N, C-alpha and C. Protein backbone atom coordinates (compact mmCIF):
# COMPACT_ATOMS: atom_id res chain seq x y z
N MET A 1 -72.16 200.99 99.41
CA MET A 1 -72.54 199.63 99.19
C MET A 1 -73.79 199.39 99.99
N ALA A 2 -74.76 198.93 99.32
CA ALA A 2 -76.02 198.63 99.98
C ALA A 2 -75.85 197.29 100.68
N LEU A 3 -75.19 197.32 101.79
CA LEU A 3 -74.92 196.07 102.51
C LEU A 3 -76.18 195.51 103.12
N ARG A 4 -76.32 194.25 102.98
CA ARG A 4 -77.41 193.55 103.64
C ARG A 4 -76.86 193.06 104.96
N LEU A 5 -76.93 193.96 105.94
CA LEU A 5 -76.34 193.67 107.24
C LEU A 5 -77.33 192.96 108.14
N TRP A 6 -76.87 191.97 108.80
CA TRP A 6 -77.71 191.29 109.76
C TRP A 6 -76.85 190.92 110.95
N ALA A 7 -77.50 190.72 112.08
CA ALA A 7 -76.77 190.39 113.29
C ALA A 7 -77.00 188.94 113.63
N SER A 8 -75.94 188.19 113.66
CA SER A 8 -76.06 186.80 114.09
C SER A 8 -75.95 186.77 115.61
N SER A 9 -76.30 185.67 116.18
CA SER A 9 -76.19 185.57 117.64
C SER A 9 -74.74 185.73 118.07
N THR A 10 -73.81 185.27 117.26
CA THR A 10 -72.40 185.42 117.58
C THR A 10 -72.01 186.89 117.57
N ALA A 11 -72.46 187.62 116.54
CA ALA A 11 -72.15 189.05 116.45
C ALA A 11 -72.76 189.81 117.62
N ASN A 12 -73.97 189.45 117.99
CA ASN A 12 -74.59 190.11 119.14
C ASN A 12 -73.79 189.85 120.41
N ALA A 13 -73.36 188.62 120.59
CA ALA A 13 -72.57 188.30 121.78
C ALA A 13 -71.25 189.06 121.76
N LEU A 14 -70.63 189.15 120.58
CA LEU A 14 -69.38 189.88 120.46
C LEU A 14 -69.58 191.35 120.76
N ARG A 15 -70.64 191.94 120.24
CA ARG A 15 -70.91 193.36 120.47
C ARG A 15 -71.11 193.63 121.96
N ILE A 16 -71.78 192.72 122.66
CA ILE A 16 -71.99 192.89 124.10
C ILE A 16 -70.66 192.87 124.82
N SER A 17 -69.77 191.94 124.43
CA SER A 17 -68.48 191.87 125.11
C SER A 17 -67.64 193.10 124.80
N VAL A 18 -67.74 193.64 123.57
CA VAL A 18 -67.01 194.84 123.23
C VAL A 18 -67.58 196.03 123.99
N ALA A 19 -68.91 196.11 124.07
CA ALA A 19 -69.54 197.23 124.77
C ALA A 19 -69.11 197.26 126.23
N SER A 20 -68.94 196.09 126.84
CA SER A 20 -68.56 196.07 128.25
C SER A 20 -67.14 196.54 128.47
N THR A 21 -66.30 196.57 127.41
CA THR A 21 -64.93 197.05 127.55
C THR A 21 -64.74 198.39 126.86
N ALA A 22 -65.84 199.02 126.44
CA ALA A 22 -65.74 200.29 125.72
C ALA A 22 -65.05 201.37 126.53
N HIS A 23 -65.13 201.29 127.86
CA HIS A 23 -64.51 202.31 128.70
C HIS A 23 -62.99 202.28 128.58
N LEU A 24 -62.40 201.25 128.00
CA LEU A 24 -60.96 201.15 127.86
C LEU A 24 -60.44 201.92 126.65
N SER A 25 -61.31 202.28 125.71
CA SER A 25 -60.89 203.03 124.53
C SER A 25 -60.71 204.49 124.90
N PRO A 26 -59.69 205.14 124.31
CA PRO A 26 -59.53 206.57 124.58
C PRO A 26 -60.73 207.33 124.04
N PRO A 27 -61.16 208.41 124.72
CA PRO A 27 -62.36 209.12 124.30
C PRO A 27 -62.25 209.74 122.91
N SER A 28 -61.05 210.01 122.41
CA SER A 28 -60.92 210.62 121.09
C SER A 28 -60.84 209.58 119.98
N SER A 29 -60.87 208.32 120.32
CA SER A 29 -60.76 207.26 119.33
C SER A 29 -62.00 207.23 118.45
N LEU A 30 -61.78 207.00 117.14
CA LEU A 30 -62.89 206.86 116.23
C LEU A 30 -63.11 205.38 115.90
N SER A 31 -62.58 204.51 116.75
CA SER A 31 -62.72 203.08 116.53
C SER A 31 -63.82 202.56 117.43
N ARG A 32 -64.81 201.92 116.83
CA ARG A 32 -65.94 201.37 117.57
C ARG A 32 -66.16 199.94 117.11
N CYS A 33 -66.39 199.04 118.05
CA CYS A 33 -66.72 197.66 117.71
C CYS A 33 -65.76 197.09 116.66
N PHE A 34 -64.49 197.29 116.86
CA PHE A 34 -63.42 196.80 115.99
C PHE A 34 -63.36 197.52 114.64
N SER A 35 -64.21 198.49 114.37
CA SER A 35 -64.17 199.21 113.10
C SER A 35 -63.37 200.49 113.26
N THR A 36 -62.52 200.76 112.28
CA THR A 36 -61.68 201.94 112.31
C THR A 36 -62.17 202.94 111.28
N VAL A 37 -62.22 204.19 111.67
CA VAL A 37 -62.57 205.30 110.79
C VAL A 37 -61.39 206.24 110.78
N LEU A 38 -60.87 206.56 109.60
CA LEU A 38 -59.67 207.37 109.50
C LEU A 38 -59.98 208.84 109.23
N ASP A 39 -59.20 209.72 109.84
CA ASP A 39 -59.26 211.14 109.52
C ASP A 39 -58.72 211.32 108.11
N GLY A 40 -59.14 212.38 107.44
CA GLY A 40 -58.63 212.68 106.11
C GLY A 40 -59.37 212.00 104.98
N LEU A 41 -60.37 211.18 105.32
CA LEU A 41 -61.17 210.51 104.31
C LEU A 41 -62.60 211.02 104.39
N LYS A 42 -63.33 210.84 103.32
CA LYS A 42 -64.77 211.11 103.28
C LYS A 42 -65.48 209.77 103.16
N TYR A 43 -66.71 209.70 103.70
CA TYR A 43 -67.44 208.43 103.77
C TYR A 43 -68.85 208.57 103.22
N ALA A 44 -69.31 207.52 102.55
CA ALA A 44 -70.69 207.47 102.07
C ALA A 44 -71.51 206.66 103.06
N SER A 45 -72.80 206.95 103.15
CA SER A 45 -73.67 206.19 104.05
C SER A 45 -73.84 204.75 103.58
N SER A 46 -73.39 204.45 102.36
CA SER A 46 -73.42 203.08 101.85
C SER A 46 -72.11 202.35 102.16
N HIS A 47 -71.25 202.97 102.99
CA HIS A 47 -70.04 202.36 103.56
C HIS A 47 -68.86 202.25 102.60
N GLU A 48 -68.70 203.24 101.73
CA GLU A 48 -67.48 203.37 100.94
C GLU A 48 -66.73 204.59 101.45
N TRP A 49 -65.42 204.60 101.23
CA TRP A 49 -64.59 205.74 101.60
C TRP A 49 -63.93 206.33 100.36
N VAL A 50 -63.54 207.61 100.47
CA VAL A 50 -62.86 208.30 99.38
C VAL A 50 -61.67 209.06 99.97
N LYS A 51 -60.53 208.92 99.33
CA LYS A 51 -59.35 209.71 99.69
C LYS A 51 -58.99 210.53 98.46
N HIS A 52 -59.20 211.85 98.55
CA HIS A 52 -58.97 212.73 97.41
C HIS A 52 -57.59 213.37 97.54
N GLU A 53 -56.73 213.07 96.58
CA GLU A 53 -55.38 213.64 96.57
C GLU A 53 -55.08 214.18 95.18
N GLY A 54 -54.91 215.50 95.08
CA GLY A 54 -54.64 216.11 93.78
C GLY A 54 -55.80 215.90 92.84
N SER A 55 -55.52 215.31 91.67
CA SER A 55 -56.56 215.12 90.67
C SER A 55 -57.17 213.71 90.70
N VAL A 56 -56.77 212.90 91.71
CA VAL A 56 -57.24 211.51 91.78
C VAL A 56 -57.88 211.23 93.13
N ALA A 57 -58.94 210.44 93.10
CA ALA A 57 -59.62 210.01 94.33
C ALA A 57 -59.58 208.48 94.38
N THR A 58 -59.14 207.95 95.51
CA THR A 58 -59.10 206.50 95.71
C THR A 58 -60.35 206.10 96.47
N ILE A 59 -60.96 204.97 96.07
CA ILE A 59 -62.23 204.53 96.65
C ILE A 59 -62.10 203.08 97.11
N GLY A 60 -62.71 202.78 98.25
CA GLY A 60 -62.77 201.41 98.75
C GLY A 60 -63.95 201.28 99.70
N ILE A 61 -64.08 200.10 100.32
CA ILE A 61 -65.13 199.95 101.32
C ILE A 61 -64.52 200.14 102.70
N THR A 62 -65.34 200.56 103.63
CA THR A 62 -64.86 200.88 104.97
C THR A 62 -64.57 199.64 105.80
N ASP A 63 -63.85 199.86 106.87
CA ASP A 63 -63.57 198.79 107.83
C ASP A 63 -64.88 198.27 108.41
N HIS A 64 -65.82 199.17 108.64
CA HIS A 64 -67.13 198.78 109.16
C HIS A 64 -67.82 197.81 108.19
N ALA A 65 -67.76 198.13 106.90
CA ALA A 65 -68.39 197.28 105.89
C ALA A 65 -67.74 195.91 105.82
N GLN A 66 -66.41 195.88 105.77
CA GLN A 66 -65.74 194.59 105.66
C GLN A 66 -65.96 193.75 106.90
N ASP A 67 -66.07 194.41 108.05
CA ASP A 67 -66.32 193.69 109.31
C ASP A 67 -67.69 193.01 109.28
N HIS A 68 -68.69 193.72 108.75
CA HIS A 68 -70.03 193.15 108.66
C HIS A 68 -70.14 192.08 107.57
N LEU A 69 -69.35 192.23 106.51
CA LEU A 69 -69.38 191.24 105.44
C LEU A 69 -68.75 189.92 105.86
N GLY A 70 -67.71 189.99 106.67
CA GLY A 70 -66.95 188.79 106.99
C GLY A 70 -65.88 188.56 105.95
N GLU A 71 -65.35 187.37 105.90
CA GLU A 71 -64.24 187.05 105.00
C GLU A 71 -64.62 187.25 103.54
N VAL A 72 -63.92 188.18 102.87
CA VAL A 72 -64.17 188.46 101.46
C VAL A 72 -63.48 187.39 100.62
N VAL A 73 -64.25 186.76 99.72
CA VAL A 73 -63.72 185.65 98.92
C VAL A 73 -63.66 185.97 97.42
N PHE A 74 -64.33 187.04 96.99
CA PHE A 74 -64.33 187.40 95.57
C PHE A 74 -64.69 188.87 95.42
N VAL A 75 -64.02 189.54 94.47
CA VAL A 75 -64.30 190.95 94.19
C VAL A 75 -64.49 191.11 92.68
N ASP A 76 -65.57 191.74 92.28
CA ASP A 76 -65.85 192.03 90.88
C ASP A 76 -65.67 193.53 90.69
N LEU A 77 -64.63 193.91 89.94
CA LEU A 77 -64.32 195.33 89.73
C LEU A 77 -64.41 195.66 88.24
N PRO A 78 -64.62 196.95 87.93
CA PRO A 78 -64.75 197.35 86.52
C PRO A 78 -63.38 197.40 85.83
N GLU A 79 -63.42 197.59 84.53
CA GLU A 79 -62.19 197.78 83.76
C GLU A 79 -61.75 199.24 83.89
N PRO A 80 -60.44 199.49 83.80
CA PRO A 80 -59.98 200.88 83.77
C PRO A 80 -60.53 201.58 82.53
N ASP A 81 -60.54 202.87 82.54
CA ASP A 81 -61.01 203.72 81.43
C ASP A 81 -62.53 203.78 81.33
N GLY A 82 -63.24 203.15 82.26
CA GLY A 82 -64.69 203.30 82.31
C GLY A 82 -65.03 204.53 83.14
N SER A 83 -66.28 204.66 83.49
CA SER A 83 -66.68 205.77 84.34
C SER A 83 -67.64 205.28 85.42
N VAL A 84 -67.74 206.06 86.48
CA VAL A 84 -68.65 205.76 87.58
C VAL A 84 -69.50 206.98 87.86
N GLY A 85 -70.71 206.74 88.38
CA GLY A 85 -71.60 207.82 88.76
C GLY A 85 -71.85 207.78 90.26
N GLN A 86 -72.01 208.93 90.86
CA GLN A 86 -72.25 208.98 92.30
C GLN A 86 -73.49 208.16 92.65
N GLY A 87 -73.32 207.24 93.62
CA GLY A 87 -74.40 206.41 94.08
C GLY A 87 -74.71 205.21 93.19
N LYS A 88 -73.97 205.05 92.11
CA LYS A 88 -74.19 203.95 91.16
C LYS A 88 -73.21 202.81 91.45
N SER A 89 -73.65 201.60 91.23
CA SER A 89 -72.83 200.42 91.46
C SER A 89 -71.70 200.34 90.43
N PHE A 90 -70.49 200.01 90.90
CA PHE A 90 -69.38 199.79 89.97
C PHE A 90 -68.78 198.40 90.11
N GLY A 91 -69.27 197.62 91.06
CA GLY A 91 -68.74 196.29 91.27
C GLY A 91 -69.46 195.60 92.40
N ALA A 92 -68.90 194.48 92.83
CA ALA A 92 -69.51 193.72 93.92
C ALA A 92 -68.43 193.04 94.75
N VAL A 93 -68.77 192.78 95.99
CA VAL A 93 -67.92 192.06 96.91
C VAL A 93 -68.70 190.84 97.39
N GLU A 94 -68.08 189.68 97.28
CA GLU A 94 -68.72 188.45 97.76
C GLU A 94 -67.94 187.97 98.98
N SER A 95 -68.68 187.69 100.03
CA SER A 95 -68.06 187.18 101.25
C SER A 95 -68.71 185.85 101.62
N VAL A 96 -68.25 185.30 102.72
CA VAL A 96 -68.84 184.05 103.19
C VAL A 96 -70.28 184.28 103.66
N LYS A 97 -70.66 185.53 103.91
CA LYS A 97 -72.00 185.85 104.40
C LYS A 97 -72.96 186.34 103.32
N ALA A 98 -72.43 187.14 102.36
CA ALA A 98 -73.33 187.82 101.41
C ALA A 98 -72.57 188.32 100.20
N THR A 99 -73.31 188.70 99.17
CA THR A 99 -72.76 189.43 98.03
C THR A 99 -73.38 190.82 98.07
N SER A 100 -72.54 191.84 97.98
CA SER A 100 -73.02 193.21 98.08
C SER A 100 -72.46 194.07 96.96
N ASP A 101 -73.31 194.94 96.44
CA ASP A 101 -72.86 195.90 95.44
C ASP A 101 -71.95 196.92 96.08
N ILE A 102 -71.03 197.46 95.28
CA ILE A 102 -70.18 198.56 95.72
C ILE A 102 -70.64 199.77 94.92
N ASN A 103 -71.01 200.83 95.62
CA ASN A 103 -71.47 202.05 94.96
C ASN A 103 -70.39 203.12 95.03
N SER A 104 -70.28 203.89 93.99
CA SER A 104 -69.29 204.96 93.97
C SER A 104 -69.80 206.18 94.73
N PRO A 105 -69.01 206.69 95.67
CA PRO A 105 -69.43 207.90 96.40
C PRO A 105 -69.36 209.17 95.55
N ILE A 106 -68.60 209.10 94.44
CA ILE A 106 -68.45 210.27 93.56
C ILE A 106 -68.48 209.81 92.10
N SER A 107 -68.68 210.78 91.21
CA SER A 107 -68.67 210.52 89.77
C SER A 107 -67.27 210.77 89.22
N GLY A 108 -66.92 210.03 88.18
CA GLY A 108 -65.63 210.29 87.55
C GLY A 108 -65.21 209.20 86.59
N GLU A 109 -64.01 209.40 86.04
CA GLU A 109 -63.42 208.46 85.10
C GLU A 109 -62.47 207.54 85.86
N ILE A 110 -62.62 206.24 85.66
CA ILE A 110 -61.75 205.26 86.33
C ILE A 110 -60.37 205.31 85.68
N VAL A 111 -59.35 205.60 86.50
CA VAL A 111 -57.99 205.68 85.98
C VAL A 111 -57.14 204.48 86.39
N GLU A 112 -57.57 203.77 87.44
CA GLU A 112 -56.82 202.60 87.89
C GLU A 112 -57.73 201.67 88.69
N VAL A 113 -57.47 200.38 88.57
CA VAL A 113 -58.21 199.36 89.32
C VAL A 113 -57.20 198.53 90.08
N ASN A 114 -57.51 198.19 91.33
CA ASN A 114 -56.60 197.39 92.15
C ASN A 114 -56.71 195.92 91.73
N THR A 115 -55.86 195.52 90.78
CA THR A 115 -55.89 194.16 90.26
C THR A 115 -55.43 193.12 91.28
N GLN A 116 -54.75 193.55 92.34
CA GLN A 116 -54.33 192.61 93.39
C GLN A 116 -55.54 191.94 94.04
N LEU A 117 -56.68 192.63 94.05
CA LEU A 117 -57.86 192.09 94.71
C LEU A 117 -58.43 190.88 93.99
N THR A 118 -58.13 190.73 92.71
CA THR A 118 -58.60 189.56 91.96
C THR A 118 -57.98 188.29 92.52
N GLU A 119 -56.68 188.34 92.79
CA GLU A 119 -55.98 187.17 93.32
C GLU A 119 -56.04 187.08 94.84
N THR A 120 -56.13 188.23 95.51
CA THR A 120 -56.11 188.26 96.96
C THR A 120 -57.23 189.14 97.50
N PRO A 121 -58.49 188.70 97.37
CA PRO A 121 -59.61 189.53 97.83
C PRO A 121 -59.59 189.81 99.33
N GLY A 122 -58.91 188.96 100.09
CA GLY A 122 -58.82 189.15 101.54
C GLY A 122 -58.07 190.40 101.96
N LEU A 123 -57.40 191.08 101.00
CA LEU A 123 -56.76 192.36 101.32
C LEU A 123 -57.78 193.37 101.82
N ILE A 124 -59.02 193.21 101.38
CA ILE A 124 -60.08 194.11 101.84
C ILE A 124 -60.30 193.94 103.34
N ASN A 125 -60.23 192.71 103.84
CA ASN A 125 -60.37 192.48 105.27
C ASN A 125 -59.12 192.91 106.02
N LYS A 126 -57.98 192.59 105.47
CA LYS A 126 -56.69 192.85 106.14
C LYS A 126 -56.37 194.34 106.19
N SER A 127 -56.65 195.06 105.11
CA SER A 127 -56.22 196.45 104.99
C SER A 127 -57.18 197.25 104.11
N PRO A 128 -58.41 197.50 104.61
CA PRO A 128 -59.43 198.14 103.76
C PRO A 128 -59.06 199.54 103.29
N TYR A 129 -58.22 200.26 104.05
CA TYR A 129 -57.89 201.63 103.67
C TYR A 129 -56.56 201.77 102.93
N GLU A 130 -55.81 200.71 102.84
CA GLU A 130 -54.52 200.80 102.17
C GLU A 130 -54.43 199.78 101.04
N GLU A 131 -54.04 198.56 101.32
CA GLU A 131 -53.88 197.55 100.27
C GLU A 131 -55.22 197.14 99.66
N GLY A 132 -56.32 197.33 100.38
CA GLY A 132 -57.63 196.89 99.92
C GLY A 132 -58.42 197.93 99.14
N TRP A 133 -57.78 199.02 98.71
CA TRP A 133 -58.50 200.01 97.88
C TRP A 133 -59.01 199.33 96.62
N MET A 134 -60.04 199.89 96.00
CA MET A 134 -60.66 199.23 94.85
C MET A 134 -60.40 199.93 93.52
N ILE A 135 -60.74 201.21 93.44
CA ILE A 135 -60.53 201.95 92.19
C ILE A 135 -60.00 203.33 92.50
N LYS A 136 -59.36 203.91 91.49
CA LYS A 136 -58.95 205.31 91.54
C LYS A 136 -59.66 206.01 90.39
N VAL A 137 -60.23 207.16 90.70
CA VAL A 137 -60.98 207.90 89.69
C VAL A 137 -60.51 209.35 89.61
N LYS A 138 -60.69 209.93 88.43
CA LYS A 138 -60.50 211.37 88.25
C LYS A 138 -61.90 211.96 88.40
N PRO A 139 -62.17 212.66 89.52
CA PRO A 139 -63.52 213.17 89.77
C PRO A 139 -63.99 214.12 88.67
N SER A 140 -65.24 213.91 88.22
CA SER A 140 -65.81 214.82 87.23
C SER A 140 -66.57 215.97 87.90
N ASN A 141 -66.90 215.80 89.18
CA ASN A 141 -67.61 216.83 89.92
C ASN A 141 -67.09 216.83 91.36
N PRO A 142 -65.92 217.45 91.61
CA PRO A 142 -65.31 217.41 92.94
C PRO A 142 -66.21 217.93 94.07
N SER A 143 -67.21 218.73 93.73
CA SER A 143 -68.11 219.24 94.77
C SER A 143 -68.94 218.12 95.40
N GLU A 144 -69.03 216.96 94.74
CA GLU A 144 -69.75 215.82 95.32
C GLU A 144 -69.10 215.38 96.64
N LEU A 145 -67.82 215.63 96.80
CA LEU A 145 -67.13 215.26 98.04
C LEU A 145 -67.74 215.96 99.25
N GLU A 146 -68.26 217.16 99.02
CA GLU A 146 -68.85 217.94 100.12
C GLU A 146 -70.11 217.30 100.68
N SER A 147 -70.77 216.46 99.89
CA SER A 147 -72.00 215.81 100.35
C SER A 147 -71.73 214.56 101.18
N LEU A 148 -70.46 214.15 101.25
CA LEU A 148 -70.10 212.94 101.99
C LEU A 148 -69.87 213.24 103.47
N LEU A 149 -69.84 212.19 104.26
CA LEU A 149 -69.65 212.33 105.71
C LEU A 149 -68.18 212.44 106.07
N GLY A 150 -67.89 213.23 107.10
CA GLY A 150 -66.56 213.27 107.68
C GLY A 150 -66.41 212.11 108.65
N PRO A 151 -65.21 211.92 109.22
CA PRO A 151 -64.98 210.79 110.13
C PRO A 151 -65.92 210.74 111.33
N LYS A 152 -66.14 211.87 111.97
CA LYS A 152 -67.01 211.88 113.15
C LYS A 152 -68.46 211.59 112.77
N GLU A 153 -68.92 212.17 111.66
CA GLU A 153 -70.29 211.94 111.22
C GLU A 153 -70.50 210.47 110.82
N TYR A 154 -69.49 209.90 110.16
CA TYR A 154 -69.60 208.50 109.75
C TYR A 154 -69.59 207.57 110.97
N THR A 155 -68.76 207.87 111.93
CA THR A 155 -68.72 207.05 113.16
C THR A 155 -70.08 207.08 113.84
N LYS A 156 -70.68 208.27 113.95
CA LYS A 156 -72.00 208.39 114.57
C LYS A 156 -73.05 207.63 113.76
N PHE A 157 -72.97 207.74 112.43
CA PHE A 157 -73.89 207.02 111.54
C PHE A 157 -73.81 205.51 111.79
N CYS A 158 -72.60 204.98 111.87
CA CYS A 158 -72.41 203.54 112.09
C CYS A 158 -72.94 203.11 113.45
N GLU A 159 -72.69 203.92 114.47
CA GLU A 159 -73.17 203.58 115.81
C GLU A 159 -74.70 203.53 115.84
N GLU A 160 -75.33 204.50 115.18
CA GLU A 160 -76.80 204.53 115.14
C GLU A 160 -77.34 203.37 114.32
N GLU A 161 -76.67 203.01 113.23
CA GLU A 161 -77.11 201.93 112.37
C GLU A 161 -77.01 200.58 113.08
N ASP A 162 -76.01 200.43 113.93
CA ASP A 162 -75.79 199.16 114.63
C ASP A 162 -76.70 198.96 115.84
N HIS A 163 -77.44 200.00 116.20
CA HIS A 163 -78.32 199.86 117.37
C HIS A 163 -79.76 199.71 116.97
C-alpha cells in the first residue's frame, strides 16, 4: 500500500515517549513503536503481509500500516474470482487520516474476500493479522514470495522509514 504517511506533532511526541522506554522491550522482540511483525509471514515494502499455506495465500495490511493510518472507517475490496497482480492495487482503505491503495504483494486468483470488513472495517485496527485479513489468493507465481521481506528485514525497513 502506497501509504501517505506523515507525522503529526502528537505522533512525534508519542514516538519520543516510546523511544525513551525502548530499553524495556526484550532484545528479540520484533515489536517497535507499538507495531507488531510476526514470524512466518512475508512483507512487502508497501506494508502488506502474506501468509502462504498450502495452495492459498492470505493477504492483509501490516500492523505498522494500520497504526499509521489510524482508525479505519471503510474498506473497498474486490469481488471473489477476480485476479491480482504483484504490486498492483486491488482495493483501498479509508481512515480518519487518509485513503490508501492496497497493493497485492503477489499475483494470483482471488479465492476469498473477507466480507466482515465491509460491516466492521475496524477489524483491521484490532487484529490486522487475523480477523483483519483482506483477501485469499491462489498464487500464480509462488516464486514472487521470495522477493518479499522476512520479519527482521521488514522491521528494519519500518525503523528506517520512520526516521
